[in-house]
């Protein structure tokens, strides 16, 4: 079951268009709508992935809107 969920998550993320990310729109990156960007959601961008640990100020594994505001993409 975990493998199926992982595959569906990856498939869903692959549908996020580059143009959605190009605008740096937090809501479009937050594909599950939980108010934060996970490492998996951030993986649509190499530069966001590279900066993720530095941006995640409270080290909870997710980026809040305020943490994401520091993203230089």
C-alpha atoms as a PDB file:
ATOM      1  CA  UNK A   1       0.000   0.000   0.000  1.00  0.00           C
ATOM      2  CA  UNK A   2       2.872   2.387   0.803  1.00  0.00           C
ATOM      3  CA  UNK A   3       4.320   1.787  -2.654  1.00  0.00           C
ATOM      4  CA  UNK A   4       0.998   2.609  -4.294  1.00  0.00           C
ATOM      5  CA  UNK A   5       0.689   5.840  -2.302  1.00  0.00           C
ATOM      6  CA  UNK A   6       4.270   6.790  -3.128  1.00  0.00           C
ATOM      7  CA  UNK A   7       3.669   6.121  -6.820  1.00  0.00           C
ATOM      8  CA  UNK A   8       0.503   8.208  -6.792  1.00  0.00           C
ATOM      9  CA  UNK A   9       2.310  11.040  -5.012  1.00  0.00           C
ATOM     10  CA  UNK A  10       5.120  11.006  -7.550  1.00  0.00           C
ATOM     11  CA  UNK A  11       2.641  10.884 -10.412  1.00  0.00           C
ATOM     12  CA  UNK A  12       0.736  13.816  -8.952  1.00  0.00           C
ATOM     13  CA  UNK A  13       3.888  15.843  -8.496  1.00  0.00           C
ATOM     14  CA  UNK A  14       4.996  15.151 -12.033  1.00  0.00           C
ATOM     15  CA  UNK A  15       1.815  16.863 -13.192  1.00  0.00           C
ATOM     16  CA  UNK A  16       2.863  20.139 -11.588  1.00  0.00           C
ATOM     17  CA  UNK A  17       3.895  22.256 -14.522  1.00  0.00           C
ATOM     18  CA  UNK A  18       7.120  24.192 -14.719  1.00  0.00           C
ATOM     19  CA  UNK A  19       5.109  27.320 -15.339  1.00  0.00           C
ATOM     20  CA  UNK A  20       3.324  26.875 -12.007  1.00  0.00           C
ATOM     21  CA  UNK A  21       6.661  26.794 -10.258  1.00  0.00           C
ATOM     22  CA  UNK A  22       8.136  29.619 -12.321  1.00  0.00           C
ATOM     23  CA  UNK A  23       5.837  32.065 -10.595  1.00  0.00           C
ATOM     24  CA  UNK A  24       7.042  30.845  -7.212  1.00  0.00           C
ATOM     25  CA  UNK A  25       3.457  30.416  -6.113  1.00  0.00           C
ATOM     26  CA  UNK A  26       3.365  28.804  -2.669  1.00  0.00           C
ATOM     27  CA  UNK A  27      -0.189  27.525  -3.094  1.00  0.00           C
ATOM     28  CA  UNK A  28       0.659  25.743  -6.345  1.00  0.00           C
ATOM     29  CA  UNK A  29       3.659  24.047  -4.771  1.00  0.00           C
ATOM     30  CA  UNK A  30       1.564  23.015  -1.761  1.00  0.00           C
ATOM     31  CA  UNK A  31      -0.168  20.324  -3.800  1.00  0.00           C
ATOM     32  CA  UNK A  32      -1.868  18.664  -0.829  1.00  0.00           C
ATOM     33  CA  UNK A  33      -3.184  21.980   0.478  1.00  0.00           C
ATOM     34  CA  UNK A  34      -1.968  21.523   4.052  1.00  0.00           C
ATOM     35  CA  UNK A  35      -0.411  24.985   4.298  1.00  0.00           C
ATOM     36  CA  UNK A  36       3.202  23.891   3.972  1.00  0.00           C
ATOM     37  CA  UNK A  37       5.597  22.563   1.339  1.00  0.00           C
ATOM     38  CA  UNK A  38       7.094  19.142   2.021  1.00  0.00           C
ATOM     39  CA  UNK A  39      10.401  17.847   0.679  1.00  0.00           C
ATOM     40  CA  UNK A  40       8.436  15.785  -1.844  1.00  0.00           C
ATOM     41  CA  UNK A  41       6.448  18.813  -3.011  1.00  0.00           C
ATOM     42  CA  UNK A  42       9.657  20.866  -3.224  1.00  0.00           C
ATOM     43  CA  UNK A  43      11.274  18.214  -5.417  1.00  0.00           C
ATOM     44  CA  UNK A  44       9.735  19.781  -8.536  1.00  0.00           C
ATOM     45  CA  UNK A  45      12.570  22.326  -8.333  1.00  0.00           C
ATOM     46  CA  UNK A  46      16.257  21.539  -8.047  1.00  0.00           C
ATOM     47  CA  UNK A  47      17.037  24.969  -6.605  1.00  0.00           C
ATOM     48  CA  UNK A  48      14.270  24.743  -3.991  1.00  0.00           C
ATOM     49  CA  UNK A  49      15.430  21.257  -3.041  1.00  0.00           C
ATOM     50  CA  UNK A  50      19.001  22.517  -2.668  1.00  0.00           C
ATOM     51  CA  UNK A  51      17.882  25.386  -0.402  1.00  0.00           C
ATOM     52  CA  UNK A  52      15.255  23.400   1.520  1.00  0.00           C
ATOM     53  CA  UNK A  53      17.309  22.619   4.647  1.00  0.00           C
ATOM     54  CA  UNK A  54      18.466  26.220   4.973  1.00  0.00           C
ATOM     55  CA  UNK A  55      14.931  27.560   4.472  1.00  0.00           C
ATOM     56  CA  UNK A  56      13.400  25.160   7.007  1.00  0.00           C
ATOM     57  CA  UNK A  57      14.238  27.365  10.009  1.00  0.00           C
ATOM     58  CA  UNK A  58      12.416  25.217  12.583  1.00  0.00           C
ATOM     59  CA  UNK A  59      13.684  21.936  11.065  1.00  0.00           C
ATOM     60  CA  UNK A  60      10.227  20.366  10.916  1.00  0.00           C
ATOM     61  CA  UNK A  61      10.723  18.987   7.398  1.00  0.00           C
ATOM     62  CA  UNK A  62       8.242  21.415   5.831  1.00  0.00           C
ATOM     63  CA  UNK A  63       8.334  24.990   4.600  1.00  0.00           C
ATOM     64  CA  UNK A  64       5.766  27.417   5.941  1.00  0.00           C
ATOM     65  CA  UNK A  65       4.782  30.489   3.930  1.00  0.00           C
ATOM     66  CA  UNK A  66       7.153  32.625   5.978  1.00  0.00           C
ATOM     67  CA  UNK A  67      10.036  30.177   5.483  1.00  0.00           C
ATOM     68  CA  UNK A  68       9.289  29.921   1.762  1.00  0.00           C
ATOM     69  CA  UNK A  69       9.335  33.743   1.505  1.00  0.00           C
ATOM     70  CA  UNK A  70      13.133  33.519   1.921  1.00  0.00           C
ATOM     71  CA  UNK A  71      13.490  31.263  -1.132  1.00  0.00           C
ATOM     72  CA  UNK A  72      15.764  32.667  -3.809  1.00  0.00           C
ATOM     73  CA  UNK A  73      14.682  30.946  -6.971  1.00  0.00           C
END
